[in-house]
Every structure is written in structure tokens, then in C-alpha cells.
N, C-alpha and C. Protein backbone atom coordinates (compact mmCIF):
# COMPACT_ATOMS: atom_id res chain seq x y z
N MET A 1 -0.98 19.23 -14.75
CA MET A 1 -1.90 18.34 -15.42
C MET A 1 -2.84 17.74 -14.36
N ILE A 2 -4.08 17.55 -14.72
CA ILE A 2 -5.07 16.95 -13.82
C ILE A 2 -4.93 15.43 -13.85
N ALA A 3 -4.84 14.84 -12.67
CA ALA A 3 -4.70 13.38 -12.57
C ALA A 3 -5.96 12.69 -13.08
N GLN A 4 -5.77 11.61 -13.78
CA GLN A 4 -6.88 10.79 -14.26
C GLN A 4 -7.15 9.71 -13.22
N THR A 5 -8.23 9.85 -12.50
CA THR A 5 -8.55 8.93 -11.41
C THR A 5 -9.66 7.97 -11.84
N PRO A 6 -9.74 6.82 -11.16
CA PRO A 6 -10.78 5.85 -11.50
C PRO A 6 -12.13 6.27 -10.93
N LYS A 7 -13.13 5.49 -11.23
CA LYS A 7 -14.45 5.70 -10.65
C LYS A 7 -14.35 5.55 -9.13
N PRO A 8 -14.93 6.47 -8.35
CA PRO A 8 -14.89 6.36 -6.89
C PRO A 8 -15.61 5.10 -6.41
N PRO A 9 -15.30 4.69 -5.18
CA PRO A 9 -14.51 5.40 -4.18
C PRO A 9 -13.02 5.11 -4.30
N TYR A 10 -12.24 6.09 -3.91
CA TYR A 10 -10.80 5.99 -3.74
C TYR A 10 -10.43 7.01 -2.68
N TYR A 11 -9.16 7.14 -2.37
CA TYR A 11 -8.74 8.01 -1.27
C TYR A 11 -7.82 9.12 -1.77
N VAL A 12 -7.82 10.20 -1.02
CA VAL A 12 -6.99 11.35 -1.35
C VAL A 12 -6.19 11.76 -0.12
N VAL A 13 -4.92 12.09 -0.36
CA VAL A 13 -4.06 12.67 0.67
C VAL A 13 -3.78 14.10 0.23
N ILE A 14 -4.13 15.05 1.08
CA ILE A 14 -3.91 16.47 0.78
C ILE A 14 -2.81 16.95 1.71
N PHE A 15 -1.69 17.33 1.11
CA PHE A 15 -0.53 17.80 1.87
C PHE A 15 -0.37 19.29 1.59
N THR A 16 -0.59 20.12 2.61
CA THR A 16 -0.49 21.57 2.49
C THR A 16 0.71 22.03 3.30
N SER A 17 1.54 22.88 2.70
CA SER A 17 2.78 23.26 3.38
C SER A 17 3.18 24.70 3.13
N VAL A 18 3.97 25.21 4.08
CA VAL A 18 4.63 26.51 3.95
C VAL A 18 6.12 26.23 4.06
N ARG A 19 6.88 26.69 3.07
CA ARG A 19 8.32 26.42 3.00
C ARG A 19 9.12 27.38 3.86
N THR A 20 10.32 26.93 4.22
CA THR A 20 11.33 27.81 4.80
C THR A 20 12.09 28.46 3.64
N GLU A 21 13.12 29.20 3.97
CA GLU A 21 13.97 29.82 2.94
C GLU A 21 14.97 28.83 2.35
N VAL A 22 15.14 27.67 2.96
CA VAL A 22 16.16 26.70 2.56
C VAL A 22 15.69 25.88 1.37
N ASP A 23 16.48 25.89 0.29
CA ASP A 23 16.16 25.11 -0.90
C ASP A 23 16.95 23.81 -0.99
N GLU A 24 18.08 23.77 -0.37
CA GLU A 24 19.03 22.67 -0.29
C GLU A 24 18.46 21.27 -0.64
N GLY A 25 18.37 20.98 -1.94
CA GLY A 25 17.94 19.65 -2.39
C GLY A 25 16.44 19.43 -2.41
N TYR A 26 15.65 20.47 -2.16
CA TYR A 26 14.19 20.30 -2.07
C TYR A 26 13.58 19.82 -3.39
N ALA A 27 13.89 20.48 -4.48
CA ALA A 27 13.28 20.12 -5.78
C ALA A 27 13.63 18.70 -6.18
N GLU A 28 14.87 18.32 -5.97
CA GLU A 28 15.30 16.96 -6.30
C GLU A 28 14.55 15.92 -5.46
N MET A 29 14.38 16.22 -4.17
CA MET A 29 13.66 15.29 -3.30
C MET A 29 12.18 15.22 -3.69
N ALA A 30 11.59 16.34 -4.01
CA ALA A 30 10.18 16.34 -4.42
C ALA A 30 9.99 15.50 -5.68
N ASP A 31 10.88 15.65 -6.65
CA ASP A 31 10.81 14.84 -7.87
C ASP A 31 10.99 13.36 -7.56
N TYR A 32 11.94 13.05 -6.68
CA TYR A 32 12.20 11.67 -6.31
C TYR A 32 11.00 11.06 -5.58
N MET A 33 10.39 11.82 -4.69
CA MET A 33 9.23 11.30 -3.95
C MET A 33 8.07 11.01 -4.91
N LEU A 34 7.85 11.86 -5.89
CA LEU A 34 6.78 11.61 -6.86
C LEU A 34 7.09 10.36 -7.67
N GLU A 35 8.31 10.25 -8.13
CA GLU A 35 8.72 9.07 -8.89
C GLU A 35 8.56 7.79 -8.06
N LEU A 36 8.97 7.85 -6.81
CA LEU A 36 8.86 6.70 -5.92
C LEU A 36 7.39 6.37 -5.62
N ALA A 37 6.58 7.39 -5.37
CA ALA A 37 5.15 7.18 -5.11
C ALA A 37 4.48 6.50 -6.30
N GLN A 38 4.85 6.92 -7.50
CA GLN A 38 4.25 6.35 -8.71
C GLN A 38 4.51 4.86 -8.83
N SER A 39 5.56 4.37 -8.19
CA SER A 39 5.88 2.94 -8.26
C SER A 39 5.21 2.13 -7.15
N GLN A 40 4.48 2.81 -6.27
CA GLN A 40 3.86 2.13 -5.13
C GLN A 40 2.52 1.52 -5.52
N ASP A 41 2.26 0.33 -5.00
CA ASP A 41 0.98 -0.33 -5.21
C ASP A 41 -0.13 0.57 -4.65
N GLY A 42 -1.15 0.81 -5.45
CA GLY A 42 -2.29 1.61 -5.01
C GLY A 42 -2.22 3.09 -5.36
N PHE A 43 -1.08 3.56 -5.87
CA PHE A 43 -0.97 4.97 -6.26
C PHE A 43 -1.77 5.21 -7.54
N LEU A 44 -2.59 6.26 -7.54
CA LEU A 44 -3.46 6.55 -8.69
C LEU A 44 -3.08 7.82 -9.44
N GLY A 45 -2.37 8.73 -8.80
CA GLY A 45 -2.01 9.98 -9.46
C GLY A 45 -1.76 11.07 -8.45
N ALA A 46 -1.31 12.24 -8.95
CA ALA A 46 -1.03 13.36 -8.05
C ALA A 46 -1.12 14.68 -8.82
N GLU A 47 -1.38 15.73 -8.07
CA GLU A 47 -1.40 17.09 -8.58
C GLU A 47 -0.72 17.98 -7.54
N SER A 48 -0.02 19.00 -8.01
CA SER A 48 0.72 19.83 -7.07
C SER A 48 0.80 21.27 -7.58
N ALA A 49 0.78 22.21 -6.63
CA ALA A 49 0.93 23.63 -6.96
C ALA A 49 1.62 24.31 -5.79
N ARG A 50 2.42 25.34 -6.10
CA ARG A 50 3.11 26.05 -5.02
C ARG A 50 3.25 27.52 -5.36
N ASN A 51 2.84 28.34 -4.42
CA ASN A 51 3.16 29.76 -4.37
C ASN A 51 3.70 29.98 -2.97
N GLU A 52 3.09 30.88 -2.19
CA GLU A 52 3.48 30.99 -0.78
C GLU A 52 3.05 29.74 -0.02
N LEU A 53 1.95 29.15 -0.48
CA LEU A 53 1.40 27.93 0.11
C LEU A 53 1.52 26.82 -0.93
N GLY A 54 2.01 25.66 -0.51
CA GLY A 54 2.09 24.53 -1.43
C GLY A 54 1.01 23.52 -1.11
N ILE A 55 0.44 22.94 -2.15
CA ILE A 55 -0.57 21.90 -1.97
C ILE A 55 -0.23 20.76 -2.93
N THR A 56 -0.07 19.57 -2.38
CA THR A 56 0.09 18.37 -3.18
C THR A 56 -1.05 17.44 -2.82
N VAL A 57 -1.75 17.00 -3.84
CA VAL A 57 -2.88 16.08 -3.66
C VAL A 57 -2.49 14.78 -4.35
N SER A 58 -2.49 13.71 -3.58
CA SER A 58 -2.22 12.40 -4.19
C SER A 58 -3.43 11.50 -4.00
N TYR A 59 -3.64 10.63 -4.97
CA TYR A 59 -4.81 9.76 -5.00
C TYR A 59 -4.36 8.31 -4.84
N TRP A 60 -5.12 7.56 -4.03
CA TRP A 60 -4.73 6.21 -3.67
C TRP A 60 -5.93 5.28 -3.70
N LYS A 61 -5.66 4.03 -3.98
CA LYS A 61 -6.70 3.00 -4.07
C LYS A 61 -7.32 2.67 -2.71
N SER A 62 -6.49 2.70 -1.65
CA SER A 62 -6.97 2.25 -0.34
C SER A 62 -6.22 2.96 0.79
N LEU A 63 -6.79 2.87 1.98
CA LEU A 63 -6.09 3.38 3.16
C LEU A 63 -4.82 2.59 3.43
N GLU A 64 -4.84 1.30 3.11
CA GLU A 64 -3.66 0.47 3.30
C GLU A 64 -2.51 0.95 2.40
N SER A 65 -2.81 1.30 1.16
CA SER A 65 -1.75 1.79 0.27
C SER A 65 -1.19 3.12 0.78
N ILE A 66 -2.02 3.96 1.38
CA ILE A 66 -1.55 5.22 1.97
C ILE A 66 -0.64 4.92 3.17
N LYS A 67 -1.06 3.99 4.00
CA LYS A 67 -0.26 3.60 5.16
C LYS A 67 1.10 3.05 4.73
N ASN A 68 1.10 2.21 3.70
CA ASN A 68 2.36 1.65 3.21
C ASN A 68 3.29 2.75 2.70
N TRP A 69 2.73 3.73 2.01
CA TRP A 69 3.52 4.86 1.51
C TRP A 69 4.08 5.67 2.68
N LYS A 70 3.25 5.92 3.69
CA LYS A 70 3.69 6.69 4.84
C LYS A 70 4.90 6.03 5.51
N HIS A 71 4.93 4.71 5.55
CA HIS A 71 6.00 3.99 6.24
C HIS A 71 7.15 3.57 5.33
N HIS A 72 7.08 3.91 4.04
CA HIS A 72 8.18 3.59 3.13
C HIS A 72 9.44 4.28 3.64
N VAL A 73 10.54 3.56 3.73
CA VAL A 73 11.76 4.06 4.36
C VAL A 73 12.26 5.37 3.72
N GLU A 74 12.20 5.50 2.41
CA GLU A 74 12.66 6.72 1.75
C GLU A 74 11.71 7.89 2.01
N HIS A 75 10.43 7.60 2.10
CA HIS A 75 9.44 8.64 2.41
C HIS A 75 9.61 9.13 3.85
N VAL A 76 9.92 8.22 4.75
CA VAL A 76 10.18 8.59 6.15
C VAL A 76 11.37 9.55 6.22
N LYS A 77 12.44 9.25 5.49
CA LYS A 77 13.63 10.12 5.47
C LYS A 77 13.28 11.50 4.91
N ALA A 78 12.48 11.53 3.85
CA ALA A 78 12.08 12.81 3.24
C ALA A 78 11.23 13.63 4.21
N ARG A 79 10.32 12.98 4.93
CA ARG A 79 9.48 13.69 5.90
C ARG A 79 10.34 14.30 7.01
N GLU A 80 11.35 13.57 7.46
CA GLU A 80 12.24 14.09 8.50
C GLU A 80 12.97 15.34 8.01
N LYS A 81 13.47 15.29 6.78
CA LYS A 81 14.14 16.48 6.21
C LYS A 81 13.14 17.63 6.07
N GLY A 82 11.92 17.30 5.68
CA GLY A 82 10.89 18.34 5.56
C GLY A 82 10.67 19.06 6.88
N ARG A 83 10.52 18.29 7.95
CA ARG A 83 10.29 18.89 9.27
C ARG A 83 11.52 19.67 9.75
N ASN A 84 12.71 19.16 9.46
CA ASN A 84 13.93 19.78 9.98
C ASN A 84 14.48 20.91 9.12
N ILE A 85 14.19 20.89 7.81
CA ILE A 85 14.85 21.83 6.91
C ILE A 85 13.87 22.65 6.06
N TRP A 86 12.95 21.98 5.35
CA TRP A 86 12.23 22.63 4.27
C TRP A 86 10.90 23.28 4.62
N TYR A 87 10.24 22.84 5.67
CA TYR A 87 8.89 23.37 5.98
C TYR A 87 8.87 24.11 7.30
N SER A 88 8.20 25.26 7.29
CA SER A 88 7.95 25.95 8.56
C SER A 88 6.65 25.43 9.16
N SER A 89 5.76 24.92 8.32
CA SER A 89 4.54 24.27 8.80
C SER A 89 3.95 23.42 7.68
N TYR A 90 3.19 22.40 8.08
CA TYR A 90 2.46 21.59 7.11
C TYR A 90 1.30 20.88 7.78
N LYS A 91 0.38 20.41 6.97
CA LYS A 91 -0.76 19.65 7.45
C LYS A 91 -1.08 18.59 6.41
N THR A 92 -1.39 17.39 6.88
CA THR A 92 -1.79 16.30 6.00
C THR A 92 -3.22 15.91 6.33
N ARG A 93 -4.04 15.79 5.30
CA ARG A 93 -5.43 15.38 5.46
C ARG A 93 -5.69 14.19 4.55
N ILE A 94 -6.47 13.25 5.03
CA ILE A 94 -6.80 12.06 4.25
C ILE A 94 -8.32 11.94 4.22
N ALA A 95 -8.87 11.71 3.03
CA ALA A 95 -10.32 11.62 2.88
C ALA A 95 -10.68 10.58 1.82
N ARG A 96 -11.89 10.11 1.90
CA ARG A 96 -12.42 9.17 0.91
C ARG A 96 -13.19 9.97 -0.13
N VAL A 97 -12.90 9.74 -1.38
CA VAL A 97 -13.60 10.41 -2.48
C VAL A 97 -14.83 9.58 -2.82
N GLU A 98 -15.99 10.18 -2.68
CA GLU A 98 -17.25 9.50 -2.97
C GLU A 98 -17.78 9.83 -4.36
N MET A 99 -17.39 10.99 -4.88
CA MET A 99 -17.89 11.42 -6.18
C MET A 99 -16.85 12.30 -6.83
N ASP A 100 -16.69 12.17 -8.14
CA ASP A 100 -15.90 13.14 -8.89
C ASP A 100 -16.52 13.33 -10.26
N TYR A 101 -16.34 14.51 -10.79
CA TYR A 101 -16.84 14.82 -12.12
C TYR A 101 -16.03 15.99 -12.65
N GLY A 102 -16.06 16.22 -13.92
CA GLY A 102 -15.24 17.28 -14.48
C GLY A 102 -15.67 17.70 -15.88
N PHE A 103 -14.83 18.49 -16.48
CA PHE A 103 -15.06 19.02 -17.81
C PHE A 103 -13.72 19.11 -18.52
N GLU A 104 -13.68 18.72 -19.78
CA GLU A 104 -12.49 18.86 -20.61
C GLU A 104 -12.90 19.38 -21.97
N GLN A 105 -12.07 20.24 -22.55
CA GLN A 105 -12.30 20.71 -23.91
C GLN A 105 -11.43 19.98 -24.85
């Protein structure tokens, strides 16, 4: 589903990853991280897709809300597991959204 975002400006975190062969709790952690992110001040929505390459895009009200999420104790633990177990590589990008538009039927 496409996230319903407010009128810009707002911020986007783009997390691109390549998984290892290890599944050990990955889906449960991903679900938990989304649930936890949704409860954070400044969270606006998220979209995610995975094939060989995974991309999760989350939308945030401010850079401060992104920083708070980055340092959330449970998110820190999940990132450590990601680096040690689930990802062979990843990249995080943060940008300010200046314009958005779309189409719906």
C-alpha cells in the first residue's frame, strides 16, 4: 500500500539492503520494527518491497524524529542483528521531500 503523506516538506529514510541466507527471526523483527516505528513521534508512514534487493522507505516529520528513531534502544538492537546476521550489505539515505504528487483510480 502507498503511504499517505502530508503536504511537503517532510523527510524520507530510504533503507536498501541485500539479505544473507539466515532467516532466524527476521520477519518477526521487521514486523516489530514497523509497529514500533508507527508509535514514534513524527512517523508518517512506510512502504517496503523485497526481491533480491530490499527497499524500505519511511517518512518522517523532521530530522529530529529520524534521529530519535535511530537511537531508540530496540531499533539499535535490531540494527546490530541486521549487521551481524541478516544483511550482507545495506545503505541508508535520508532526504527532504520538497514535492510529491500522484494518481489514484
